[in-house]
Amino acid sequence: MIKVTIRGIDVTVSSTAEAAALIRDFTGSTESKAALPSEDRPRIKLRPRKPTPAEAMTRDFLFRLASSSGTDVPTEEIMKILKVDTGRAVGGRCVKINNILARLGFDDTDEIYTNPRLAEVGRVWRPGPRIQEALEKLPNGR
């Protein structure tokens, strides 16, 4: 007994001649490649991956720092970008940003951005030396 699969259907036949005849009747060819069901299935079309909301927030945050031209960005402006109401909530959003940066291979966030506290104005945000590299690695980076 010989088991043959023709267009996804398992068939048992008694001889190779019978198997060849059956394949020829179904497919018009004795080559087993023509009997593969995968040729009949349509190909899956993949859409480009869209950034998650956290990735989009990270991109907006880094883009604002990168476009600051070396000037300090006040926390109030960062709060608008991150869509939070308090300076304390910025820290929670930065945890998400840092996790995304770590996933991209940037373990030291001081290379991407810094946020020193200044006595006269409070906390400010500055771009780091590798901020452009981080922007390029983000999905839909600018």
N, C-alpha and C. Protein backbone atom coordinates (compact mmCIF):
# COMPACT_ATOMS: atom_id res chain seq x y z
N MET A 1 0.83 -1.18 0.00
CA MET A 1 0.00 0.00 0.00
C MET A 1 0.88 1.25 0.00
N ILE A 2 0.52 2.20 -0.81
CA ILE A 2 1.27 3.45 -0.94
C ILE A 2 0.31 4.61 -0.63
N LYS A 3 0.76 5.50 0.24
CA LYS A 3 -0.04 6.67 0.58
C LYS A 3 0.48 7.85 -0.24
N VAL A 4 -0.44 8.56 -0.90
CA VAL A 4 -0.11 9.70 -1.74
C VAL A 4 -1.04 10.85 -1.36
N THR A 5 -0.50 12.08 -1.35
CA THR A 5 -1.31 13.26 -1.09
C THR A 5 -1.45 14.02 -2.41
N ILE A 6 -2.69 14.20 -2.84
CA ILE A 6 -2.96 14.92 -4.09
C ILE A 6 -3.85 16.11 -3.76
N ARG A 7 -3.31 17.31 -3.97
CA ARG A 7 -4.04 18.55 -3.70
C ARG A 7 -4.63 18.56 -2.29
N GLY A 8 -3.84 18.09 -1.35
CA GLY A 8 -4.24 18.13 0.04
C GLY A 8 -5.10 16.96 0.49
N ILE A 9 -5.37 15.99 -0.40
CA ILE A 9 -6.21 14.84 -0.06
C ILE A 9 -5.31 13.61 0.03
N ASP A 10 -5.38 12.88 1.15
CA ASP A 10 -4.61 11.65 1.32
C ASP A 10 -5.32 10.51 0.61
N VAL A 11 -4.56 9.80 -0.25
CA VAL A 11 -5.11 8.69 -1.02
C VAL A 11 -4.19 7.48 -0.82
N THR A 12 -4.77 6.28 -0.67
CA THR A 12 -4.00 5.05 -0.56
C THR A 12 -4.21 4.23 -1.83
N VAL A 13 -3.10 3.84 -2.46
CA VAL A 13 -3.15 3.05 -3.69
C VAL A 13 -2.30 1.80 -3.52
N SER A 14 -2.48 0.81 -4.45
CA SER A 14 -1.77 -0.46 -4.29
C SER A 14 -0.44 -0.51 -5.03
N SER A 15 -0.23 0.36 -6.04
CA SER A 15 1.05 0.31 -6.77
C SER A 15 1.47 1.71 -7.20
N THR A 16 2.75 1.83 -7.56
CA THR A 16 3.26 3.13 -8.02
C THR A 16 2.64 3.52 -9.35
N ALA A 17 2.33 2.54 -10.20
CA ALA A 17 1.69 2.84 -11.49
C ALA A 17 0.31 3.43 -11.27
N GLU A 18 -0.41 2.87 -10.28
CA GLU A 18 -1.74 3.39 -9.96
C GLU A 18 -1.63 4.80 -9.38
N ALA A 19 -0.61 5.05 -8.55
CA ALA A 19 -0.39 6.38 -7.98
C ALA A 19 -0.08 7.39 -9.07
N ALA A 20 0.80 7.02 -10.02
CA ALA A 20 1.15 7.92 -11.12
C ALA A 20 -0.07 8.24 -11.97
N ALA A 21 -0.90 7.24 -12.24
CA ALA A 21 -2.11 7.45 -13.04
C ALA A 21 -3.08 8.38 -12.32
N LEU A 22 -3.24 8.18 -11.03
CA LEU A 22 -4.14 9.02 -10.24
C LEU A 22 -3.65 10.47 -10.21
N ILE A 23 -2.36 10.63 -10.02
CA ILE A 23 -1.79 11.99 -10.00
C ILE A 23 -1.98 12.64 -11.37
N ARG A 24 -1.73 11.90 -12.44
CA ARG A 24 -1.87 12.42 -13.79
C ARG A 24 -3.32 12.84 -14.05
N ASP A 25 -4.29 12.04 -13.59
CA ASP A 25 -5.70 12.36 -13.79
C ASP A 25 -6.09 13.65 -13.07
N PHE A 26 -5.56 13.84 -11.86
CA PHE A 26 -5.92 15.03 -11.08
C PHE A 26 -5.17 16.28 -11.52
N THR A 27 -3.89 16.12 -11.85
CA THR A 27 -3.07 17.31 -12.07
C THR A 27 -2.58 17.47 -13.50
N GLY A 28 -2.64 16.44 -14.29
CA GLY A 28 -2.14 16.52 -15.64
C GLY A 28 -0.64 16.28 -15.71
N SER A 29 0.00 15.91 -14.60
CA SER A 29 1.43 15.68 -14.55
C SER A 29 1.72 14.62 -13.51
N THR A 30 2.82 13.88 -13.69
CA THR A 30 3.19 12.88 -12.70
C THR A 30 4.19 13.42 -11.70
N GLU A 31 4.62 14.65 -11.86
CA GLU A 31 5.58 15.22 -10.92
C GLU A 31 4.85 15.56 -9.62
N SER A 32 5.46 15.20 -8.52
CA SER A 32 4.82 15.42 -7.23
C SER A 32 4.72 16.90 -6.89
N LYS A 33 5.58 17.73 -7.47
CA LYS A 33 5.56 19.17 -7.18
C LYS A 33 4.23 19.80 -7.59
N ALA A 34 3.64 19.31 -8.69
CA ALA A 34 2.37 19.86 -9.17
C ALA A 34 1.23 19.51 -8.23
N ALA A 35 1.40 18.47 -7.43
CA ALA A 35 0.33 18.04 -6.54
C ALA A 35 0.35 18.75 -5.19
N LEU A 36 1.33 19.61 -4.94
CA LEU A 36 1.42 20.27 -3.65
C LEU A 36 0.29 21.28 -3.48
N PRO A 37 -0.41 21.23 -2.37
CA PRO A 37 -1.52 22.16 -2.17
C PRO A 37 -1.05 23.59 -1.96
N SER A 38 0.20 23.80 -1.57
CA SER A 38 0.67 25.15 -1.28
C SER A 38 0.68 26.04 -2.51
N GLU A 39 0.76 25.44 -3.71
CA GLU A 39 0.75 26.23 -4.93
C GLU A 39 -0.63 26.81 -5.20
N ASP A 40 -1.66 26.18 -4.67
CA ASP A 40 -3.02 26.64 -4.91
C ASP A 40 -3.44 27.75 -3.94
N ARG A 41 -2.71 27.88 -2.83
CA ARG A 41 -3.09 28.86 -1.82
C ARG A 41 -2.54 30.24 -2.19
N PRO A 42 -3.32 31.28 -1.98
CA PRO A 42 -2.80 32.63 -2.26
C PRO A 42 -1.75 33.03 -1.21
N ARG A 43 -0.84 33.88 -1.59
CA ARG A 43 0.20 34.36 -0.69
C ARG A 43 -0.38 35.39 0.26
N ILE A 44 0.10 35.39 1.49
CA ILE A 44 -0.33 36.36 2.50
C ILE A 44 0.39 37.67 2.24
N LYS A 45 -0.36 38.75 2.20
CA LYS A 45 0.24 40.08 2.00
C LYS A 45 0.41 40.73 3.37
N LEU A 46 1.64 41.10 3.69
CA LEU A 46 1.92 41.72 4.98
C LEU A 46 1.91 43.23 4.84
N ARG A 47 1.22 43.86 5.76
CA ARG A 47 1.23 45.32 5.79
C ARG A 47 2.41 45.79 6.62
N PRO A 48 2.94 46.97 6.32
CA PRO A 48 4.03 47.48 7.16
C PRO A 48 3.53 47.69 8.59
N ARG A 49 4.39 47.41 9.54
CA ARG A 49 4.02 47.55 10.95
C ARG A 49 3.95 49.02 11.33
N LYS A 50 2.85 49.38 11.97
CA LYS A 50 2.70 50.76 12.47
C LYS A 50 3.32 50.83 13.85
N PRO A 51 3.85 52.00 14.21
CA PRO A 51 4.42 52.12 15.56
C PRO A 51 3.31 52.05 16.62
N THR A 52 3.65 51.49 17.78
CA THR A 52 2.71 51.47 18.90
C THR A 52 2.58 52.89 19.44
N PRO A 53 1.55 53.17 20.25
CA PRO A 53 1.44 54.50 20.83
C PRO A 53 2.68 54.89 21.64
N ALA A 54 3.27 53.93 22.36
CA ALA A 54 4.48 54.24 23.13
C ALA A 54 5.65 54.56 22.21
N GLU A 55 5.76 53.86 21.08
CA GLU A 55 6.83 54.16 20.12
C GLU A 55 6.62 55.52 19.48
N ALA A 56 5.37 55.86 19.17
CA ALA A 56 5.07 57.17 18.60
C ALA A 56 5.39 58.27 19.60
N MET A 57 5.04 58.05 20.87
CA MET A 57 5.36 59.03 21.92
C MET A 57 6.87 59.19 22.05
N THR A 58 7.60 58.08 22.00
CA THR A 58 9.06 58.12 22.09
C THR A 58 9.63 58.90 20.91
N ARG A 59 9.11 58.64 19.71
CA ARG A 59 9.59 59.35 18.53
C ARG A 59 9.35 60.85 18.65
N ASP A 60 8.14 61.26 19.10
CA ASP A 60 7.84 62.68 19.25
C ASP A 60 8.74 63.33 20.30
N PHE A 61 8.96 62.63 21.40
CA PHE A 61 9.81 63.12 22.48
C PHE A 61 11.25 63.33 21.98
N LEU A 62 11.81 62.32 21.33
CA LEU A 62 13.18 62.41 20.85
C LEU A 62 13.32 63.43 19.73
N PHE A 63 12.31 63.51 18.86
CA PHE A 63 12.37 64.48 17.78
C PHE A 63 12.38 65.90 18.33
N ARG A 64 11.58 66.16 19.36
CA ARG A 64 11.57 67.51 19.96
C ARG A 64 12.92 67.83 20.57
N LEU A 65 13.52 66.88 21.26
CA LEU A 65 14.84 67.13 21.84
C LEU A 65 15.90 67.32 20.75
N ALA A 66 15.82 66.52 19.69
CA ALA A 66 16.81 66.62 18.61
C ALA A 66 16.69 67.96 17.88
N SER A 67 15.48 68.50 17.80
CA SER A 67 15.28 69.76 17.09
C SER A 67 15.49 70.98 17.97
N SER A 68 15.95 70.78 19.20
CA SER A 68 16.13 71.91 20.11
C SER A 68 17.38 72.72 19.82
N SER A 69 18.22 72.25 18.92
CA SER A 69 19.46 72.94 18.53
C SER A 69 20.37 73.23 19.72
N GLY A 70 20.45 72.29 20.64
CA GLY A 70 21.36 72.43 21.78
C GLY A 70 20.82 73.28 22.91
N THR A 71 19.63 73.85 22.78
CA THR A 71 19.05 74.64 23.88
C THR A 71 18.27 73.71 24.80
N ASP A 72 18.12 74.13 26.04
CA ASP A 72 17.38 73.35 27.02
C ASP A 72 15.88 73.38 26.71
N VAL A 73 15.23 72.24 26.84
CA VAL A 73 13.78 72.15 26.65
C VAL A 73 13.16 72.06 28.04
N PRO A 74 12.27 73.00 28.40
CA PRO A 74 11.68 72.97 29.75
C PRO A 74 10.71 71.79 29.92
N THR A 75 10.52 71.38 31.15
CA THR A 75 9.65 70.25 31.46
C THR A 75 8.22 70.51 31.00
N GLU A 76 7.76 71.75 31.07
CA GLU A 76 6.39 72.08 30.64
C GLU A 76 6.16 71.71 29.18
N GLU A 77 7.15 71.90 28.35
CA GLU A 77 7.02 71.54 26.94
C GLU A 77 7.03 70.02 26.76
N ILE A 78 7.86 69.35 27.53
CA ILE A 78 7.90 67.88 27.49
C ILE A 78 6.56 67.31 27.96
N MET A 79 5.93 67.95 28.95
CA MET A 79 4.63 67.50 29.44
C MET A 79 3.58 67.53 28.33
N LYS A 80 3.63 68.56 27.47
CA LYS A 80 2.68 68.64 26.36
C LYS A 80 2.92 67.52 25.35
N ILE A 81 4.17 67.24 25.06
CA ILE A 81 4.50 66.19 24.10
C ILE A 81 4.07 64.83 24.62
N LEU A 82 4.30 64.58 25.91
CA LEU A 82 3.97 63.29 26.51
C LEU A 82 2.52 63.20 26.96
N LYS A 83 1.77 64.30 26.82
CA LYS A 83 0.35 64.37 27.17
C LYS A 83 0.09 64.01 28.63
N VAL A 84 0.82 64.68 29.51
CA VAL A 84 0.62 64.51 30.95
C VAL A 84 0.40 65.89 31.58
N ASP A 85 -0.18 65.89 32.79
CA ASP A 85 -0.53 67.15 33.45
C ASP A 85 0.48 67.59 34.50
N THR A 86 1.30 66.69 34.99
CA THR A 86 2.23 67.04 36.05
C THR A 86 3.65 66.62 35.67
N GLY A 87 4.60 67.30 36.28
CA GLY A 87 5.99 66.95 36.05
C GLY A 87 6.32 65.57 36.58
N ARG A 88 5.64 65.15 37.62
CA ARG A 88 5.87 63.82 38.18
C ARG A 88 5.45 62.72 37.21
N ALA A 89 4.40 62.97 36.45
CA ALA A 89 3.91 61.98 35.47
C ALA A 89 4.89 61.81 34.31
N VAL A 90 5.73 62.80 34.07
CA VAL A 90 6.75 62.68 33.02
C VAL A 90 7.67 61.50 33.32
N GLY A 91 7.97 61.29 34.59
CA GLY A 91 8.83 60.17 34.98
C GLY A 91 8.25 58.83 34.61
N GLY A 92 6.93 58.68 34.76
CA GLY A 92 6.27 57.43 34.39
C GLY A 92 6.35 57.18 32.89
N ARG A 93 6.18 58.24 32.12
CA ARG A 93 6.29 58.09 30.67
C ARG A 93 7.73 57.82 30.26
N CYS A 94 8.67 58.38 30.98
CA CYS A 94 10.08 58.13 30.65
C CYS A 94 10.48 56.68 30.90
N VAL A 95 9.80 56.02 31.82
CA VAL A 95 10.07 54.59 32.03
C VAL A 95 9.73 53.83 30.74
N LYS A 96 8.58 54.16 30.12
CA LYS A 96 8.21 53.52 28.86
C LYS A 96 9.21 53.86 27.76
N ILE A 97 9.61 55.11 27.70
CA ILE A 97 10.59 55.55 26.70
C ILE A 97 11.90 54.80 26.89
N ASN A 98 12.35 54.69 28.13
CA ASN A 98 13.62 53.99 28.41
C ASN A 98 13.53 52.51 28.05
N ASN A 99 12.37 51.89 28.28
CA ASN A 99 12.19 50.48 27.91
C ASN A 99 12.29 50.30 26.39
N ILE A 100 11.69 51.20 25.65
CA ILE A 100 11.76 51.13 24.18
C ILE A 100 13.20 51.34 23.72
N LEU A 101 13.89 52.30 24.32
CA LEU A 101 15.29 52.54 23.95
C LEU A 101 16.17 51.33 24.29
N ALA A 102 15.90 50.68 25.41
CA ALA A 102 16.67 49.50 25.78
C ALA A 102 16.43 48.37 24.78
N ARG A 103 15.18 48.23 24.32
CA ARG A 103 14.85 47.22 23.32
C ARG A 103 15.58 47.47 22.00
N LEU A 104 15.85 48.75 21.72
CA LEU A 104 16.57 49.11 20.49
C LEU A 104 18.08 49.01 20.65
N GLY A 105 18.53 48.70 21.88
CA GLY A 105 19.96 48.52 22.11
C GLY A 105 20.64 49.69 22.78
N PHE A 106 19.89 50.64 23.29
CA PHE A 106 20.45 51.80 23.98
C PHE A 106 20.22 51.63 25.48
N ASP A 107 21.15 51.00 26.15
CA ASP A 107 20.99 50.75 27.58
C ASP A 107 21.28 51.99 28.42
N ASP A 108 22.15 52.86 27.95
CA ASP A 108 22.50 54.07 28.69
C ASP A 108 21.73 55.24 28.09
N THR A 109 20.65 55.68 28.78
CA THR A 109 19.83 56.76 28.23
C THR A 109 20.55 58.09 28.22
N ASP A 110 21.62 58.24 29.00
CA ASP A 110 22.38 59.51 28.97
C ASP A 110 23.01 59.75 27.61
N GLU A 111 23.17 58.70 26.81
CA GLU A 111 23.67 58.88 25.45
C GLU A 111 22.58 59.42 24.53
N ILE A 112 21.31 59.26 24.92
CA ILE A 112 20.18 59.70 24.10
C ILE A 112 19.65 61.05 24.58
N TYR A 113 19.43 61.17 25.87
CA TYR A 113 18.96 62.44 26.44
C TYR A 113 19.40 62.53 27.89
N THR A 114 19.46 63.76 28.38
CA THR A 114 19.74 64.00 29.80
C THR A 114 18.67 64.95 30.32
N ASN A 115 18.47 64.92 31.63
CA ASN A 115 17.49 65.83 32.24
C ASN A 115 18.01 66.34 33.58
N PRO A 116 19.00 67.23 33.51
CA PRO A 116 19.55 67.76 34.76
C PRO A 116 18.59 68.74 35.44
N ARG A 117 18.75 68.87 36.74
CA ARG A 117 17.96 69.83 37.51
C ARG A 117 18.84 71.07 37.73
N LEU A 118 18.35 72.21 37.28
CA LEU A 118 19.06 73.46 37.45
C LEU A 118 18.39 74.28 38.55
N ALA A 119 19.19 74.93 39.37
CA ALA A 119 18.66 75.66 40.52
C ALA A 119 17.72 76.78 40.10
N GLU A 120 18.02 77.47 39.00
CA GLU A 120 17.22 78.64 38.63
C GLU A 120 15.93 78.31 37.87
N VAL A 121 15.88 77.21 37.14
CA VAL A 121 14.69 76.91 36.33
C VAL A 121 14.07 75.54 36.61
N GLY A 122 14.71 74.72 37.38
CA GLY A 122 14.20 73.37 37.62
C GLY A 122 14.77 72.38 36.63
N ARG A 123 14.02 71.32 36.35
CA ARG A 123 14.52 70.27 35.47
C ARG A 123 14.37 70.69 34.00
N VAL A 124 15.41 70.45 33.23
CA VAL A 124 15.40 70.72 31.79
C VAL A 124 15.82 69.44 31.05
N TRP A 125 15.58 69.41 29.76
CA TRP A 125 15.85 68.23 28.95
C TRP A 125 16.80 68.61 27.83
N ARG A 126 17.81 67.77 27.61
CA ARG A 126 18.83 68.04 26.60
C ARG A 126 19.07 66.80 25.74
N PRO A 127 19.36 66.99 24.46
CA PRO A 127 19.66 65.82 23.62
C PRO A 127 21.05 65.27 23.93
N GLY A 128 21.21 63.96 23.77
CA GLY A 128 22.51 63.32 23.95
C GLY A 128 23.20 63.13 22.61
N PRO A 129 24.42 62.63 22.62
CA PRO A 129 25.17 62.50 21.38
C PRO A 129 24.63 61.45 20.40
N ARG A 130 23.86 60.48 20.86
CA ARG A 130 23.36 59.41 19.98
C ARG A 130 21.86 59.53 19.70
N ILE A 131 21.29 60.72 19.85
CA ILE A 131 19.84 60.87 19.69
C ILE A 131 19.40 60.61 18.25
N GLN A 132 20.19 61.04 17.26
CA GLN A 132 19.82 60.80 15.86
C GLN A 132 19.82 59.31 15.53
N GLU A 133 20.77 58.60 16.08
CA GLU A 133 20.84 57.15 15.87
C GLU A 133 19.60 56.46 16.43
N ALA A 134 19.14 56.91 17.60
CA ALA A 134 17.94 56.34 18.21
C ALA A 134 16.70 56.66 17.36
N LEU A 135 16.62 57.87 16.83
CA LEU A 135 15.49 58.24 15.99
C LEU A 135 15.43 57.38 14.73
N GLU A 136 16.58 57.09 14.16
CA GLU A 136 16.63 56.27 12.95
C GLU A 136 16.20 54.84 13.20
N LYS A 137 16.43 54.32 14.40
CA LYS A 137 16.08 52.94 14.72
C LYS A 137 14.59 52.77 15.06
N LEU A 138 13.93 53.86 15.43
CA LEU A 138 12.51 53.77 15.77
C LEU A 138 11.68 53.52 14.50
N PRO A 139 10.56 52.79 14.61
CA PRO A 139 9.68 52.61 13.46
C PRO A 139 9.16 53.97 12.98
N ASN A 140 9.14 54.17 11.68
CA ASN A 140 8.72 55.45 11.08
C ASN A 140 9.53 56.62 11.63
N GLY A 141 10.81 56.39 11.85
CA GLY A 141 11.68 57.46 12.37
C GLY A 141 11.80 58.59 11.38
N ARG A 142 12.06 59.77 11.91
CA ARG A 142 12.14 60.94 11.04
C ARG A 142 13.56 61.17 10.60
